[in-house]
Protein backbone atom coordinates (compact mmCIF):
# COMPACT_ATOMS: atom_id res chain seq x y z
CA UNK A 1 0.00 0.00 0.00
CA UNK A 2 2.79 2.41 0.96
CA UNK A 3 4.52 1.95 -2.41
CA UNK A 4 1.39 2.88 -4.38
CA UNK A 5 0.55 5.78 -2.08
CA UNK A 6 4.08 7.05 -2.47
CA UNK A 7 3.98 6.74 -6.25
CA UNK A 8 0.72 8.67 -6.45
CA UNK A 9 2.03 11.17 -3.91
CA UNK A 10 5.16 11.78 -5.95
CA UNK A 11 3.07 12.54 -9.03
CA UNK A 12 1.16 15.14 -7.01
CA UNK A 13 4.47 16.43 -5.64
CA UNK A 14 5.87 16.80 -9.18
CA UNK A 15 2.75 18.64 -10.32
CA UNK A 16 2.89 21.03 -7.35
CA UNK A 17 6.59 21.68 -7.94
CA UNK A 18 6.27 22.34 -11.64
CA UNK A 19 2.92 24.15 -11.68
CA UNK A 20 3.29 26.46 -8.68
CA UNK A 21 7.05 26.46 -8.11
CA UNK A 22 6.62 27.25 -4.42
CA UNK A 23 8.66 25.47 -1.75
CA UNK A 24 5.95 25.54 0.97
CA UNK A 25 3.69 22.74 -0.30
CA UNK A 26 6.73 20.65 -1.21
CA UNK A 27 8.22 21.00 2.26
CA UNK A 28 4.85 20.01 3.75
CA UNK A 29 4.72 16.90 1.58
CA UNK A 30 8.31 16.01 2.52
CA UNK A 31 7.36 16.38 6.19
CA UNK A 32 4.41 14.03 5.63
CA UNK A 33 6.72 11.56 3.92
CA UNK A 34 9.09 11.51 6.88
CA UNK A 35 6.21 11.25 9.37
CA UNK A 36 4.77 8.17 7.67
CA UNK A 37 7.82 6.56 6.08
CA UNK A 38 8.59 3.05 7.29
CA UNK A 39 12.31 3.76 6.77
CA UNK A 40 13.17 7.31 7.89
CA UNK A 41 16.84 6.61 8.60
CA UNK A 42 17.38 4.88 5.28
CA UNK A 43 15.59 7.74 3.53
CA UNK A 44 18.04 10.26 4.93
CA UNK A 45 20.85 8.30 3.26
CA UNK A 46 19.34 9.24 -0.13
CA UNK A 47 20.39 12.89 0.15
CA UNK A 48 23.46 12.25 -2.08
CA UNK A 49 21.12 11.02 -4.85
CA UNK A 50 19.16 14.28 -4.65
CA UNK A 51 22.41 16.23 -4.63
CA UNK A 52 23.65 14.34 -7.71
CA UNK A 53 20.42 15.22 -9.53
CA UNK A 54 20.76 18.88 -8.57
CA UNK A 55 24.36 18.89 -9.77
CA UNK A 56 23.37 17.39 -13.12
CA UNK A 57 20.54 19.89 -13.61
CA UNK A 58 22.84 22.68 -12.44
CA UNK A 59 25.40 21.66 -15.05
CA UNK A 60 22.74 21.54 -17.79
CA UNK A 61 21.48 24.95 -16.63
CA UNK A 62 25.03 26.38 -16.78
CA UNK A 63 25.50 24.90 -20.26
CA UNK A 64 22.33 26.66 -21.38
CA UNK A 65 20.06 23.65 -21.96
CA UNK A 66 17.67 25.02 -19.31
CA UNK A 67 16.65 28.55 -18.41
CA UNK A 68 14.66 29.51 -15.34
CA UNK A 69 13.12 32.86 -14.54
CA UNK A 70 15.28 33.34 -11.41
CA UNK A 71 18.52 31.34 -11.37
CA UNK A 72 18.50 27.74 -10.21
CA UNK A 73 15.18 27.37 -8.38
CA UNK A 74 14.70 25.96 -4.88
CA UNK A 75 11.61 24.07 -6.03
CA UNK A 76 13.81 22.08 -8.43
CA UNK A 77 16.17 21.07 -5.63
CA UNK A 78 13.16 19.98 -3.56
CA UNK A 79 11.82 18.09 -6.56
CA UNK A 80 15.09 16.17 -6.72
CA UNK A 81 14.74 15.29 -3.04
CA UNK A 82 11.24 13.96 -3.65
CA UNK A 83 12.43 11.99 -6.67
CA UNK A 84 15.32 10.45 -4.72
CA UNK A 85 12.84 9.29 -2.09
CA UNK A 86 10.55 7.87 -4.76
CA UNK A 87 13.40 5.71 -6.08
CA UNK A 88 13.41 3.95 -2.72
CA UNK A 89 9.64 3.73 -2.33
CA UNK A 90 7.16 4.30 -5.17
CA UNK A 91 9.62 3.46 -7.95
CA UNK A 92 11.37 0.65 -6.09
CA UNK A 93 9.90 -1.83 -8.58
CA UNK A 94 12.37 -0.52 -11.19
CA UNK A 95 15.37 -1.87 -9.28
CA UNK A 96 15.25 -5.55 -10.26
CA UNK A 97 14.78 -4.74 -13.94
CA UNK A 98 17.75 -5.13 -16.29
CA UNK A 99 19.70 -1.88 -16.81
CA UNK A 100 18.47 -1.55 -20.41
CA UNK A 101 14.85 -1.61 -19.22
CA UNK A 102 15.66 0.94 -16.52
CA UNK A 103 17.15 3.06 -19.30
CA UNK A 104 13.89 2.84 -21.28
CA UNK A 105 11.95 4.06 -18.25
CA UNK A 106 14.50 6.84 -17.87
CA UNK A 107 13.94 7.87 -21.47
CA UNK A 108 10.18 7.86 -21.09
CA UNK A 109 9.86 9.35 -17.63
CA UNK A 110 12.92 11.55 -17.32
CA UNK A 111 12.94 13.28 -20.69
CA UNK A 112 9.16 13.68 -20.76
CA UNK A 113 9.19 15.34 -17.33
CA UNK A 114 11.35 18.18 -18.63
CA UNK A 115 9.28 18.53 -21.80
CA UNK A 116 6.09 18.64 -19.72
CA UNK A 117 7.73 21.17 -17.39
CA UNK A 118 8.58 23.34 -20.38
CA UNK A 119 5.00 23.09 -21.65
CA UNK A 120 3.81 24.25 -18.21
CA UNK A 121 6.23 27.19 -18.20
CA UNK A 122 8.48 25.96 -15.39
CA UNK A 123 11.57 25.79 -17.57
CA UNK A 124 12.57 27.25 -20.90
CA UNK A 125 14.45 25.07 -23.39
CA UNK A 126 16.42 27.62 -25.46
CA UNK A 127 17.95 24.96 -27.71
CA UNK A 128 14.50 24.06 -28.97
CA UNK A 129 12.22 21.18 -28.12
CA UNK A 130 13.77 18.62 -30.51
CA UNK A 131 17.43 19.14 -29.63
CA UNK A 132 16.63 19.43 -25.92
CA UNK A 133 14.51 16.28 -25.96
CA UNK A 134 17.17 14.33 -27.86
CA UNK A 135 19.82 15.33 -25.31
CA UNK A 136 17.53 14.55 -22.38
CA UNK A 137 16.73 11.13 -23.86
CA UNK A 138 20.44 10.27 -24.03
CA UNK A 139 21.09 11.63 -20.53
CA UNK A 140 18.16 9.85 -18.90
CA UNK A 141 18.87 6.59 -20.71
CA UNK A 142 21.93 6.20 -18.49
CA UNK A 143 21.06 8.53 -15.58
CA UNK A 144 18.10 6.57 -14.20
CA UNK A 145 20.05 3.28 -13.99
CA UNK A 146 22.90 5.15 -12.29
CA UNK A 147 20.51 6.69 -9.74
CA UNK A 148 18.85 3.33 -9.06
CA UNK A 149 22.27 1.74 -8.56
CA UNK A 150 23.18 4.59 -6.19
CA UNK A 151 20.07 4.12 -4.07
CA UNK A 152 20.78 0.40 -3.70
CA UNK A 153 24.38 1.12 -2.67
CA UNK A 154 23.35 3.82 -0.19
CA UNK A 155 20.67 1.63 1.33
CA UNK A 156 23.08 -1.29 1.50
CA UNK A 157 25.26 0.78 3.80
CA UNK A 158 22.41 1.11 6.29
CA UNK A 159 21.85 -2.62 6.73
C-alpha atoms as a PDB file:
ATOM      1  CA  UNK A   1       0.000   0.000   0.000  1.00  0.00           C
ATOM      2  CA  UNK A   2       2.795   2.410   0.958  1.00  0.00           C
ATOM      3  CA  UNK A   3       4.523   1.949  -2.410  1.00  0.00           C
ATOM      4  CA  UNK A   4       1.389   2.882  -4.378  1.00  0.00           C
ATOM      5  CA  UNK A   5       0.546   5.779  -2.078  1.00  0.00           C
ATOM      6  CA  UNK A   6       4.083   7.051  -2.466  1.00  0.00           C
ATOM      7  CA  UNK A   7       3.984   6.738  -6.253  1.00  0.00           C
ATOM      8  CA  UNK A   8       0.721   8.672  -6.445  1.00  0.00           C
ATOM      9  CA  UNK A   9       2.034  11.165  -3.909  1.00  0.00           C
ATOM     10  CA  UNK A  10       5.161  11.782  -5.950  1.00  0.00           C
ATOM     11  CA  UNK A  11       3.071  12.536  -9.032  1.00  0.00           C
ATOM     12  CA  UNK A  12       1.158  15.139  -7.011  1.00  0.00           C
ATOM     13  CA  UNK A  13       4.475  16.429  -5.636  1.00  0.00           C
ATOM     14  CA  UNK A  14       5.874  16.797  -9.178  1.00  0.00           C
ATOM     15  CA  UNK A  15       2.752  18.645 -10.319  1.00  0.00           C
ATOM     16  CA  UNK A  16       2.894  21.030  -7.353  1.00  0.00           C
ATOM     17  CA  UNK A  17       6.593  21.678  -7.940  1.00  0.00           C
ATOM     18  CA  UNK A  18       6.269  22.345 -11.642  1.00  0.00           C
ATOM     19  CA  UNK A  19       2.920  24.145 -11.682  1.00  0.00           C
ATOM     20  CA  UNK A  20       3.286  26.462  -8.676  1.00  0.00           C
ATOM     21  CA  UNK A  21       7.046  26.462  -8.111  1.00  0.00           C
ATOM     22  CA  UNK A  22       6.623  27.245  -4.423  1.00  0.00           C
ATOM     23  CA  UNK A  23       8.658  25.465  -1.747  1.00  0.00           C
ATOM     24  CA  UNK A  24       5.954  25.538   0.970  1.00  0.00           C
ATOM     25  CA  UNK A  25       3.695  22.738  -0.295  1.00  0.00           C
ATOM     26  CA  UNK A  26       6.732  20.649  -1.212  1.00  0.00           C
ATOM     27  CA  UNK A  27       8.219  21.002   2.255  1.00  0.00           C
ATOM     28  CA  UNK A  28       4.852  20.015   3.752  1.00  0.00           C
ATOM     29  CA  UNK A  29       4.724  16.896   1.578  1.00  0.00           C
ATOM     30  CA  UNK A  30       8.310  16.013   2.523  1.00  0.00           C
ATOM     31  CA  UNK A  31       7.358  16.375   6.186  1.00  0.00           C
ATOM     32  CA  UNK A  32       4.406  14.030   5.628  1.00  0.00           C
ATOM     33  CA  UNK A  33       6.716  11.562   3.921  1.00  0.00           C
ATOM     34  CA  UNK A  34       9.086  11.511   6.883  1.00  0.00           C
ATOM     35  CA  UNK A  35       6.208  11.254   9.366  1.00  0.00           C
ATOM     36  CA  UNK A  36       4.771   8.174   7.670  1.00  0.00           C
ATOM     37  CA  UNK A  37       7.825   6.557   6.083  1.00  0.00           C
ATOM     38  CA  UNK A  38       8.590   3.046   7.289  1.00  0.00           C
ATOM     39  CA  UNK A  39      12.307   3.757   6.772  1.00  0.00           C
ATOM     40  CA  UNK A  40      13.171   7.305   7.886  1.00  0.00           C
ATOM     41  CA  UNK A  41      16.841   6.611   8.601  1.00  0.00           C
ATOM     42  CA  UNK A  42      17.377   4.876   5.275  1.00  0.00           C
ATOM     43  CA  UNK A  43      15.586   7.739   3.527  1.00  0.00           C
ATOM     44  CA  UNK A  44      18.045  10.265   4.927  1.00  0.00           C
ATOM     45  CA  UNK A  45      20.847   8.303   3.257  1.00  0.00           C
ATOM     46  CA  UNK A  46      19.343   9.240  -0.128  1.00  0.00           C
ATOM     47  CA  UNK A  47      20.394  12.887   0.148  1.00  0.00           C
ATOM     48  CA  UNK A  48      23.461  12.248  -2.080  1.00  0.00           C
ATOM     49  CA  UNK A  49      21.121  11.018  -4.848  1.00  0.00           C
ATOM     50  CA  UNK A  50      19.157  14.277  -4.647  1.00  0.00           C
ATOM     51  CA  UNK A  51      22.415  16.229  -4.631  1.00  0.00           C
ATOM     52  CA  UNK A  52      23.651  14.339  -7.715  1.00  0.00           C
ATOM     53  CA  UNK A  53      20.420  15.224  -9.527  1.00  0.00           C
ATOM     54  CA  UNK A  54      20.763  18.876  -8.569  1.00  0.00           C
ATOM     55  CA  UNK A  55      24.360  18.886  -9.771  1.00  0.00           C
ATOM     56  CA  UNK A  56      23.368  17.390 -13.122  1.00  0.00           C
ATOM     57  CA  UNK A  57      20.544  19.893 -13.607  1.00  0.00           C
ATOM     58  CA  UNK A  58      22.844  22.684 -12.444  1.00  0.00           C
ATOM     59  CA  UNK A  59      25.396  21.664 -15.050  1.00  0.00           C
ATOM     60  CA  UNK A  60      22.739  21.536 -17.785  1.00  0.00           C
ATOM     61  CA  UNK A  61      21.481  24.946 -16.635  1.00  0.00           C
ATOM     62  CA  UNK A  62      25.028  26.383 -16.778  1.00  0.00           C
ATOM     63  CA  UNK A  63      25.504  24.902 -20.258  1.00  0.00           C
ATOM     64  CA  UNK A  64      22.328  26.658 -21.379  1.00  0.00           C
ATOM     65  CA  UNK A  65      20.062  23.655 -21.960  1.00  0.00           C
ATOM     66  CA  UNK A  66      17.673  25.019 -19.311  1.00  0.00           C
ATOM     67  CA  UNK A  67      16.651  28.549 -18.409  1.00  0.00           C
ATOM     68  CA  UNK A  68      14.656  29.506 -15.341  1.00  0.00           C
ATOM     69  CA  UNK A  69      13.119  32.861 -14.538  1.00  0.00           C
ATOM     70  CA  UNK A  70      15.279  33.340 -11.413  1.00  0.00           C
ATOM     71  CA  UNK A  71      18.518  31.345 -11.368  1.00  0.00           C
ATOM     72  CA  UNK A  72      18.498  27.741 -10.212  1.00  0.00           C
ATOM     73  CA  UNK A  73      15.180  27.368  -8.378  1.00  0.00           C
ATOM     74  CA  UNK A  74      14.700  25.958  -4.882  1.00  0.00           C
ATOM     75  CA  UNK A  75      11.610  24.066  -6.034  1.00  0.00           C
ATOM     76  CA  UNK A  76      13.805  22.081  -8.435  1.00  0.00           C
ATOM     77  CA  UNK A  77      16.173  21.066  -5.632  1.00  0.00           C
ATOM     78  CA  UNK A  78      13.159  19.982  -3.558  1.00  0.00           C
ATOM     79  CA  UNK A  79      11.819  18.093  -6.562  1.00  0.00           C
ATOM     80  CA  UNK A  80      15.087  16.168  -6.723  1.00  0.00           C
ATOM     81  CA  UNK A  81      14.741  15.287  -3.044  1.00  0.00           C
ATOM     82  CA  UNK A  82      11.237  13.963  -3.650  1.00  0.00           C
ATOM     83  CA  UNK A  83      12.432  11.994  -6.669  1.00  0.00           C
ATOM     84  CA  UNK A  84      15.318  10.452  -4.721  1.00  0.00           C
ATOM     85  CA  UNK A  85      12.837   9.295  -2.088  1.00  0.00           C
ATOM     86  CA  UNK A  86      10.549   7.873  -4.757  1.00  0.00           C
ATOM     87  CA  UNK A  87      13.403   5.710  -6.080  1.00  0.00           C
ATOM     88  CA  UNK A  88      13.410   3.951  -2.719  1.00  0.00           C
ATOM     89  CA  UNK A  89       9.643   3.731  -2.331  1.00  0.00           C
ATOM     90  CA  UNK A  90       7.156   4.298  -5.173  1.00  0.00           C
ATOM     91  CA  UNK A  91       9.621   3.463  -7.954  1.00  0.00           C
ATOM     92  CA  UNK A  92      11.372   0.652  -6.093  1.00  0.00           C
ATOM     93  CA  UNK A  93       9.898  -1.832  -8.583  1.00  0.00           C
ATOM     94  CA  UNK A  94      12.370  -0.520 -11.191  1.00  0.00           C
ATOM     95  CA  UNK A  95      15.374  -1.867  -9.280  1.00  0.00           C
ATOM     96  CA  UNK A  96      15.253  -5.547 -10.260  1.00  0.00           C
ATOM     97  CA  UNK A  97      14.779  -4.737 -13.939  1.00  0.00           C
ATOM     98  CA  UNK A  98      17.752  -5.128 -16.289  1.00  0.00           C
ATOM     99  CA  UNK A  99      19.704  -1.883 -16.814  1.00  0.00           C
ATOM    100  CA  UNK A 100      18.475  -1.547 -20.413  1.00  0.00           C
ATOM    101  CA  UNK A 101      14.853  -1.610 -19.217  1.00  0.00           C
ATOM    102  CA  UNK A 102      15.655   0.940 -16.519  1.00  0.00           C
ATOM    103  CA  UNK A 103      17.146   3.055 -19.300  1.00  0.00           C
ATOM    104  CA  UNK A 104      13.891   2.840 -21.277  1.00  0.00           C
ATOM    105  CA  UNK A 105      11.947   4.056 -18.254  1.00  0.00           C
ATOM    106  CA  UNK A 106      14.503   6.838 -17.869  1.00  0.00           C
ATOM    107  CA  UNK A 107      13.940   7.866 -21.466  1.00  0.00           C
ATOM    108  CA  UNK A 108      10.178   7.856 -21.093  1.00  0.00           C
ATOM    109  CA  UNK A 109       9.861   9.352 -17.625  1.00  0.00           C
ATOM    110  CA  UNK A 110      12.917  11.550 -17.319  1.00  0.00           C
ATOM    111  CA  UNK A 111      12.940  13.277 -20.686  1.00  0.00           C
ATOM    112  CA  UNK A 112       9.163  13.676 -20.765  1.00  0.00           C
ATOM    113  CA  UNK A 113       9.189  15.344 -17.333  1.00  0.00           C
ATOM    114  CA  UNK A 114      11.345  18.176 -18.633  1.00  0.00           C
ATOM    115  CA  UNK A 115       9.277  18.529 -21.803  1.00  0.00           C
ATOM    116  CA  UNK A 116       6.088  18.645 -19.719  1.00  0.00           C
ATOM    117  CA  UNK A 117       7.727  21.170 -17.386  1.00  0.00           C
ATOM    118  CA  UNK A 118       8.585  23.336 -20.378  1.00  0.00           C
ATOM    119  CA  UNK A 119       5.001  23.089 -21.653  1.00  0.00           C
ATOM    120  CA  UNK A 120       3.814  24.248 -18.210  1.00  0.00           C
ATOM    121  CA  UNK A 121       6.226  27.187 -18.202  1.00  0.00           C
ATOM    122  CA  UNK A 122       8.476  25.962 -15.387  1.00  0.00           C
ATOM    123  CA  UNK A 123      11.574  25.788 -17.574  1.00  0.00           C
ATOM    124  CA  UNK A 124      12.566  27.251 -20.902  1.00  0.00           C
ATOM    125  CA  UNK A 125      14.448  25.071 -23.391  1.00  0.00           C
ATOM    126  CA  UNK A 126      16.417  27.615 -25.457  1.00  0.00           C
ATOM    127  CA  UNK A 127      17.955  24.958 -27.708  1.00  0.00           C
ATOM    128  CA  UNK A 128      14.503  24.057 -28.966  1.00  0.00           C
ATOM    129  CA  UNK A 129      12.225  21.184 -28.121  1.00  0.00           C
ATOM    130  CA  UNK A 130      13.773  18.623 -30.507  1.00  0.00           C
ATOM    131  CA  UNK A 131      17.429  19.135 -29.627  1.00  0.00           C
ATOM    132  CA  UNK A 132      16.633  19.429 -25.916  1.00  0.00           C
ATOM    133  CA  UNK A 133      14.506  16.282 -25.958  1.00  0.00           C
ATOM    134  CA  UNK A 134      17.166  14.332 -27.860  1.00  0.00           C
ATOM    135  CA  UNK A 135      19.818  15.328 -25.307  1.00  0.00           C
ATOM    136  CA  UNK A 136      17.526  14.545 -22.375  1.00  0.00           C
ATOM    137  CA  UNK A 137      16.730  11.129 -23.864  1.00  0.00           C
ATOM    138  CA  UNK A 138      20.437  10.271 -24.035  1.00  0.00           C
ATOM    139  CA  UNK A 139      21.087  11.625 -20.534  1.00  0.00           C
ATOM    140  CA  UNK A 140      18.160   9.850 -18.898  1.00  0.00           C
ATOM    141  CA  UNK A 141      18.866   6.587 -20.712  1.00  0.00           C
ATOM    142  CA  UNK A 142      21.926   6.195 -18.494  1.00  0.00           C
ATOM    143  CA  UNK A 143      21.060   8.526 -15.583  1.00  0.00           C
ATOM    144  CA  UNK A 144      18.098   6.567 -14.197  1.00  0.00           C
ATOM    145  CA  UNK A 145      20.048   3.277 -13.989  1.00  0.00           C
ATOM    146  CA  UNK A 146      22.902   5.148 -12.287  1.00  0.00           C
ATOM    147  CA  UNK A 147      20.510   6.689  -9.742  1.00  0.00           C
ATOM    148  CA  UNK A 148      18.850   3.329  -9.060  1.00  0.00           C
ATOM    149  CA  UNK A 149      22.270   1.736  -8.556  1.00  0.00           C
ATOM    150  CA  UNK A 150      23.176   4.585  -6.192  1.00  0.00           C
ATOM    151  CA  UNK A 151      20.065   4.117  -4.073  1.00  0.00           C
ATOM    152  CA  UNK A 152      20.778   0.402  -3.703  1.00  0.00           C
ATOM    153  CA  UNK A 153      24.385   1.125  -2.673  1.00  0.00           C
ATOM    154  CA  UNK A 154      23.350   3.821  -0.190  1.00  0.00           C
ATOM    155  CA  UNK A 155      20.671   1.628   1.329  1.00  0.00           C
ATOM    156  CA  UNK A 156      23.076  -1.286   1.498  1.00  0.00           C
ATOM    157  CA  UNK A 157      25.257   0.779   3.801  1.00  0.00           C
ATOM    158  CA  UNK A 158      22.405   1.113   6.294  1.00  0.00           C
ATOM    159  CA  UNK A 159      21.849  -2.621   6.732  1.00  0.00           C
END
